[in-house]
């Protein structure tokens, strides 16, 4: 009945999340922090945390020795060179926004395909197009044979009905409206992936009758994504040159990163370009970078300028 639920987070993950909440509190002058640890070991970690930060309102840091998460290459042309850490942090959910035909699906398929060629497993969740149609277009347009990768157990395509998801979630929220935590049955994935693609959140948003229920569900979904330790690309349809990057206006704030794909019109010419609007895990290139879609997929030109020479 559910959609991408997951197992409980480890103690370390829960502590890091709790620490982030503390950081917000620490920025408030004279704020007294009260905690109720859920585990004896967590209580010990919290005590250590309090020793290492100041309660005076100065900048707080995570405890010393907190490890950075592993980085996974996106493997889409020169995209990784735009990021200081040269890749995306595992556990990150990246919102890919843009208008029709700007290359969002191509970007995700390219990441899945070249990841699979490097033995990195991927799951593509179709909420709009038929999975076989997506695979056929990838093969005909770019020569990416996903059927062969499926046989090797490196790729899986799942077709889900957004209306069924929405109705089940809305019914569950109504039933459990007095509870603080919404428990949604997990979707059984065929294997533990390195990448997950959801195409698209726009189809899911339309399926919900209640916008507030959709927002609650997206918040829950993104939290569950983090537990997978995967790179999660979630696609959102927008205008060609968007100022709002998702249908409900909440996804870009919940996501760990936002990549915007443009199809910019100047005179009678359109130039495709992308921008890393935000990325919590690393510094990144701030300019809008041109790219083109070739018969081998997306080709990014990090050193070029938009409409150079026009």
Protein backbone atom coordinates (compact mmCIF):
# COMPACT_ATOMS: atom_id res chain seq x y z
CA UNK A 1 0.00 0.00 0.00
CA UNK A 2 2.88 2.35 0.71
CA UNK A 3 5.56 4.02 -1.29
CA UNK A 4 9.22 3.88 -0.37
CA UNK A 5 9.05 3.47 3.35
CA UNK A 6 12.08 2.11 5.19
CA UNK A 7 13.60 0.65 8.33
CA UNK A 8 14.43 2.65 11.45
CA UNK A 9 17.46 4.89 11.26
CA UNK A 10 20.61 3.91 13.11
CA UNK A 11 21.54 5.58 16.37
CA UNK A 12 24.18 7.65 14.61
CA UNK A 13 21.72 8.98 12.05
CA UNK A 14 19.21 9.84 14.74
CA UNK A 15 21.89 11.66 16.71
CA UNK A 16 23.06 13.69 13.70
CA UNK A 17 19.47 14.68 12.98
CA UNK A 18 18.99 15.61 16.64
CA UNK A 19 22.22 17.61 16.54
CA UNK A 20 20.91 19.67 13.63
CA UNK A 21 17.88 20.54 15.71
CA UNK A 22 20.17 21.65 18.52
CA UNK A 23 22.15 23.87 16.17
CA UNK A 24 18.97 25.75 15.30
CA UNK A 25 18.20 26.16 19.00
CA UNK A 26 21.75 27.23 19.80
CA UNK A 27 21.40 30.21 17.49
CA UNK A 28 18.61 31.59 19.68
CA UNK A 29 20.05 33.75 22.51
CA UNK A 30 19.53 32.47 26.05
CA UNK A 31 17.71 29.42 24.75
CA UNK A 32 17.63 26.60 27.26
CA UNK A 33 17.60 23.22 25.53
CA UNK A 34 15.68 20.37 27.07
CA UNK A 35 16.09 16.88 25.67
CA UNK A 36 14.51 13.50 26.17
CA UNK A 37 16.93 10.87 24.82
CA UNK A 38 15.39 7.70 23.40
CA UNK A 39 18.39 5.52 24.17
CA UNK A 40 21.08 5.36 26.88
CA UNK A 41 23.86 5.52 24.30
CA UNK A 42 22.20 8.54 22.72
CA UNK A 43 22.09 10.25 26.12
CA UNK A 44 25.84 9.78 26.42
CA UNK A 45 26.39 11.23 22.94
CA UNK A 46 24.23 14.23 23.78
CA UNK A 47 26.28 14.93 26.90
CA UNK A 48 29.42 14.86 24.78
CA UNK A 49 27.77 17.17 22.30
CA UNK A 50 26.94 19.70 25.01
CA UNK A 51 30.58 19.76 26.09
CA UNK A 52 31.74 20.62 22.60
CA UNK A 53 29.43 23.52 21.78
CA UNK A 54 28.80 26.90 23.34
CA UNK A 55 25.37 27.90 24.57
CA UNK A 56 26.11 31.59 24.09
CA UNK A 57 24.55 31.79 20.64
CA UNK A 58 27.84 31.45 18.76
CA UNK A 59 28.19 29.14 15.76
CA UNK A 60 27.77 25.50 16.80
CA UNK A 61 29.42 22.54 15.16
CA UNK A 62 28.64 18.86 15.03
CA UNK A 63 30.66 16.75 17.49
CA UNK A 64 34.30 16.20 16.61
CA UNK A 65 34.87 13.08 14.59
CA UNK A 66 31.41 13.05 12.99
CA UNK A 67 32.17 11.29 9.68
CA UNK A 68 31.16 12.73 6.35
CA UNK A 69 28.95 10.51 4.27
CA UNK A 70 30.32 8.73 1.24
CA UNK A 71 30.25 10.50 -2.10
CA UNK A 72 28.77 8.89 -5.20
CA UNK A 73 29.51 10.24 -8.67
CA UNK A 74 26.51 11.44 -10.65
CA UNK A 75 28.30 10.26 -13.84
CA UNK A 76 26.52 12.74 -16.09
CA UNK A 77 29.16 14.28 -18.37
CA UNK A 78 31.10 16.98 -16.45
CA UNK A 79 28.45 17.49 -13.78
CA UNK A 80 30.60 16.16 -10.93
CA UNK A 81 33.29 18.76 -11.70
CA UNK A 82 30.77 21.47 -10.75
CA UNK A 83 30.80 20.22 -7.13
CA UNK A 84 33.68 20.79 -4.72
CA UNK A 85 33.45 17.24 -3.37
CA UNK A 86 33.19 15.92 -6.95
CA UNK A 87 29.97 14.02 -6.44
CA UNK A 88 26.78 13.75 -4.41
CA UNK A 89 26.54 12.65 -0.81
CA UNK A 90 24.83 9.34 -0.13
CA UNK A 91 21.51 9.83 1.58
CA UNK A 92 20.83 13.00 -0.40
CA UNK A 93 17.57 13.69 -2.18
CA UNK A 94 18.07 15.95 -5.19
CA UNK A 95 15.14 17.77 -6.77
CA UNK A 96 15.53 18.02 -10.54
CA UNK A 97 13.30 20.84 -11.79
CA UNK A 98 12.57 22.20 -15.24
CA UNK A 99 10.13 22.57 -18.08
CA UNK A 100 9.00 20.05 -20.66
CA UNK A 101 11.80 18.68 -22.85
CA UNK A 102 14.68 20.27 -20.93
CA UNK A 103 16.45 16.96 -20.19
CA UNK A 104 15.39 15.96 -16.67
CA UNK A 105 14.61 12.33 -17.53
CA UNK A 106 17.71 12.08 -19.72
CA UNK A 107 19.88 13.34 -16.85
CA UNK A 108 18.48 10.68 -14.49
CA UNK A 109 18.68 7.84 -16.99
CA UNK A 110 22.26 8.79 -17.85
CA UNK A 111 23.22 8.70 -14.17
CA UNK A 112 21.55 5.29 -13.76
CA UNK A 113 23.09 3.85 -16.93
CA UNK A 114 26.71 4.86 -16.35
CA UNK A 115 26.36 4.01 -12.69
CA UNK A 116 25.27 0.48 -13.65
CA UNK A 117 28.27 0.17 -15.97
CA UNK A 118 30.33 0.76 -12.81
CA UNK A 119 28.37 -1.86 -10.84
CA UNK A 120 26.24 0.73 -9.03
CA UNK A 121 22.65 -0.46 -8.81
CA UNK A 122 19.68 1.74 -9.62
CA UNK A 123 15.87 1.76 -9.37
CA UNK A 124 13.72 3.88 -11.68
CA UNK A 125 10.18 4.51 -10.39
CA UNK A 126 7.74 5.49 -13.13
CA UNK A 127 4.70 7.48 -12.02
CA UNK A 128 3.82 8.73 -15.51
CA UNK A 129 5.19 6.94 -18.56
CA UNK A 130 5.19 3.19 -19.05
CA UNK A 131 8.54 1.64 -18.04
CA UNK A 132 8.97 -0.18 -21.37
CA UNK A 133 8.44 3.10 -23.22
CA UNK A 134 11.13 4.79 -21.14
CA UNK A 135 13.58 1.97 -21.86
CA UNK A 136 12.76 2.01 -25.57
CA UNK A 137 13.42 5.73 -25.86
CA UNK A 138 16.71 5.38 -23.97
CA UNK A 139 17.86 2.65 -26.37
CA UNK A 140 16.71 4.38 -29.56
CA UNK A 141 17.95 7.86 -28.65
CA UNK A 142 21.18 7.11 -26.80
CA UNK A 143 21.99 3.41 -27.22
CA UNK A 144 21.47 2.72 -23.51
CA UNK A 145 20.35 -0.89 -23.21
CA UNK A 146 18.59 -1.02 -19.85
CA UNK A 147 17.03 -4.41 -20.58
CA UNK A 148 20.48 -6.00 -20.53
CA UNK A 149 21.30 -4.25 -17.27
CA UNK A 150 18.03 -5.52 -15.80
CA UNK A 151 19.03 -9.10 -16.66
CA UNK A 152 22.28 -8.56 -14.77
CA UNK A 153 20.37 -7.34 -11.70
CA UNK A 154 21.87 -3.85 -11.87
CA UNK A 155 18.74 -1.91 -12.82
CA UNK A 156 15.05 -2.23 -11.99
CA UNK A 157 12.10 -0.30 -13.42
CA UNK A 158 8.96 -0.08 -11.29
CA UNK A 159 5.63 1.28 -12.53
CA UNK A 160 3.40 2.67 -9.78
CA UNK A 161 -0.01 4.27 -9.91
CA UNK A 162 0.13 7.77 -8.33
CA UNK A 163 -3.65 7.84 -7.80
CA UNK A 164 -3.55 4.61 -5.82
CA UNK A 165 -0.65 5.93 -3.74
CA UNK A 166 -2.48 9.19 -3.06
CA UNK A 167 -5.75 7.55 -2.04
CA UNK A 168 -4.03 5.09 0.27
CA UNK A 169 -1.94 7.80 1.92
CA UNK A 170 -4.87 10.17 2.34
CA UNK A 171 -6.96 7.42 3.90
CA UNK A 172 -4.10 6.52 6.23
CA UNK A 173 -3.54 10.15 7.27
CA UNK A 174 -7.26 10.51 8.00
CA UNK A 175 -7.22 7.32 10.06
CA UNK A 176 -4.07 8.27 11.97
CA UNK A 177 -4.67 12.01 12.21
CA UNK A 178 -4.15 11.98 15.96
CA UNK A 179 -0.69 10.42 15.61
CA UNK A 180 2.51 12.44 15.26
CA UNK A 181 4.15 9.85 13.00
CA UNK A 182 2.48 8.45 9.90
CA UNK A 183 3.42 4.83 9.38
CA UNK A 184 3.30 3.82 5.73
CA UNK A 185 3.99 0.31 4.52
CA UNK A 186 7.35 0.06 2.78
CA UNK A 187 7.68 -0.70 -0.90
CA UNK A 188 9.70 -3.84 -1.44
CA UNK A 189 12.66 -2.98 -3.66
CA UNK A 190 14.25 -5.84 -5.64
CA UNK A 191 17.70 -5.07 -4.23
CA UNK A 192 19.59 -2.45 -2.23
CA UNK A 193 20.24 0.31 -4.79
CA UNK A 194 22.83 3.07 -5.02
CA UNK A 195 20.46 5.39 -6.92
CA UNK A 196 16.71 5.91 -6.96
CA UNK A 197 14.84 8.01 -9.52
CA UNK A 198 11.22 9.13 -9.06
CA UNK A 199 9.61 10.39 -12.28
CA UNK A 200 7.79 12.49 -11.34
CA UNK A 201 6.60 14.20 -8.17
CA UNK A 202 4.35 16.37 -10.33
CA UNK A 203 2.25 13.34 -11.24
CA UNK A 204 2.01 12.44 -7.56
CA UNK A 205 1.04 15.98 -6.53
CA UNK A 206 -1.80 16.08 -9.06
CA UNK A 207 -3.14 12.76 -7.75
CA UNK A 208 -3.61 14.10 -4.21
CA UNK A 209 -6.96 15.73 -3.50
CA UNK A 210 -5.65 17.34 -0.33
CA UNK A 211 -2.54 19.53 -0.73
CA UNK A 212 -1.75 19.36 2.97
CA UNK A 213 -1.75 15.55 2.83
CA UNK A 214 0.66 15.67 -0.09
CA UNK A 215 3.01 17.96 1.79
CA UNK A 216 2.95 15.71 4.86
CA UNK A 217 3.66 12.71 2.69
CA UNK A 218 6.55 14.36 0.84
CA UNK A 219 8.12 15.31 4.17
CA UNK A 220 7.78 11.71 5.31
CA UNK A 221 9.07 10.38 1.98
CA UNK A 222 12.22 12.53 1.95
CA UNK A 223 13.04 11.44 5.51
CA UNK A 224 12.73 7.81 4.45
CA UNK A 225 14.91 8.46 1.40
CA UNK A 226 17.74 9.53 3.69
CA UNK A 227 17.78 6.13 5.37
CA UNK A 228 18.45 4.32 2.08
CA UNK A 229 21.99 5.79 1.81
CA UNK A 230 21.26 6.24 -1.90
CA UNK A 231 21.39 9.19 -4.24
CA UNK A 232 17.76 10.03 -4.91
CA UNK A 233 16.73 12.07 -7.95
CA UNK A 234 13.13 13.29 -7.81
CA UNK A 235 11.80 15.04 -10.92
CA UNK A 236 9.48 18.06 -10.83
CA UNK A 237 7.81 19.67 -13.85
CA UNK A 238 7.91 23.48 -13.91
CA UNK A 239 7.86 26.37 -16.36
CA UNK A 240 10.77 26.66 -18.82
CA UNK A 241 12.38 29.43 -16.76
CA UNK A 242 10.95 28.70 -13.31
CA UNK A 243 10.80 30.89 -10.23
CA UNK A 244 9.03 28.17 -8.26
CA UNK A 245 10.71 24.79 -8.52
CA UNK A 246 7.94 22.40 -7.53
CA UNK A 247 4.17 22.12 -7.72
CA UNK A 248 3.51 22.34 -3.97
CA UNK A 249 6.34 24.76 -3.22
CA UNK A 250 7.68 22.60 -0.39
CA UNK A 251 9.88 20.08 -2.19
CA UNK A 252 12.78 22.47 -2.82
CA UNK A 253 13.00 23.29 0.88
CA UNK A 254 12.94 19.65 1.98
CA UNK A 255 15.39 18.43 -0.66
CA UNK A 256 19.12 18.31 0.06
CA UNK A 257 19.83 19.77 -3.36
CA UNK A 258 18.05 21.47 -6.24
CA UNK A 259 19.22 21.24 -9.84
CA UNK A 260 17.34 23.43 -12.31
CA UNK A 261 17.39 22.64 -16.03
CA UNK A 262 16.58 25.52 -18.37
CA UNK A 263 15.56 25.80 -22.00
CA UNK A 264 16.31 29.51 -22.39
CA UNK A 265 14.96 31.44 -25.37
CA UNK A 266 16.87 34.37 -26.85
CA UNK A 267 15.56 35.72 -30.13
CA UNK A 268 14.80 32.62 -32.23
CA UNK A 269 17.33 30.36 -30.46
CA UNK A 270 16.99 28.21 -27.35
CA UNK A 271 19.97 27.28 -25.20
CA UNK A 272 19.82 24.41 -22.72
CA UNK A 273 21.54 25.05 -19.41
CA UNK A 274 21.61 23.84 -15.84
CA UNK A 275 22.15 25.41 -12.46
CA UNK A 276 22.91 23.90 -9.07
CA UNK A 277 20.57 26.09 -7.08
CA UNK A 278 21.47 24.53 -3.74
CA UNK A 279 23.48 21.62 -2.37
CA UNK A 280 23.76 21.13 1.36
CA UNK A 281 26.64 18.67 1.28
CA UNK A 282 29.23 20.71 -0.62
CA UNK A 283 30.19 24.00 -2.21
CA UNK A 284 29.41 24.11 -5.90
CA UNK A 285 29.58 26.13 -9.11
CA UNK A 286 27.23 29.11 -8.84
CA UNK A 287 26.86 30.04 -12.50
CA UNK A 288 24.37 28.71 -15.04
CA UNK A 289 26.21 26.18 -17.20
CA UNK A 290 25.27 25.36 -20.80
CA UNK A 291 24.72 21.81 -22.02
CA UNK A 292 23.27 20.02 -25.02
CA UNK A 293 21.54 16.71 -25.53
CA UNK A 294 23.49 14.62 -28.05
CA UNK A 295 23.03 11.07 -29.33
CA UNK A 296 25.22 9.99 -26.40
CA UNK A 297 23.21 11.84 -23.77
CA UNK A 298 23.79 15.13 -21.98
CA UNK A 299 27.05 16.94 -22.70
CA UNK A 300 27.91 19.69 -20.19
CA UNK A 301 30.29 22.60 -20.96
CA UNK A 302 31.50 23.94 -17.57
CA UNK A 303 33.83 26.57 -19.05
CA UNK A 304 31.38 28.04 -21.55
CA UNK A 305 28.97 30.92 -21.09
CA UNK A 306 25.29 31.09 -22.02
CA UNK A 307 24.84 32.57 -25.53
CA UNK A 308 28.54 33.30 -25.80
CA UNK A 309 29.26 35.29 -28.95
CA UNK A 310 25.61 36.12 -29.70
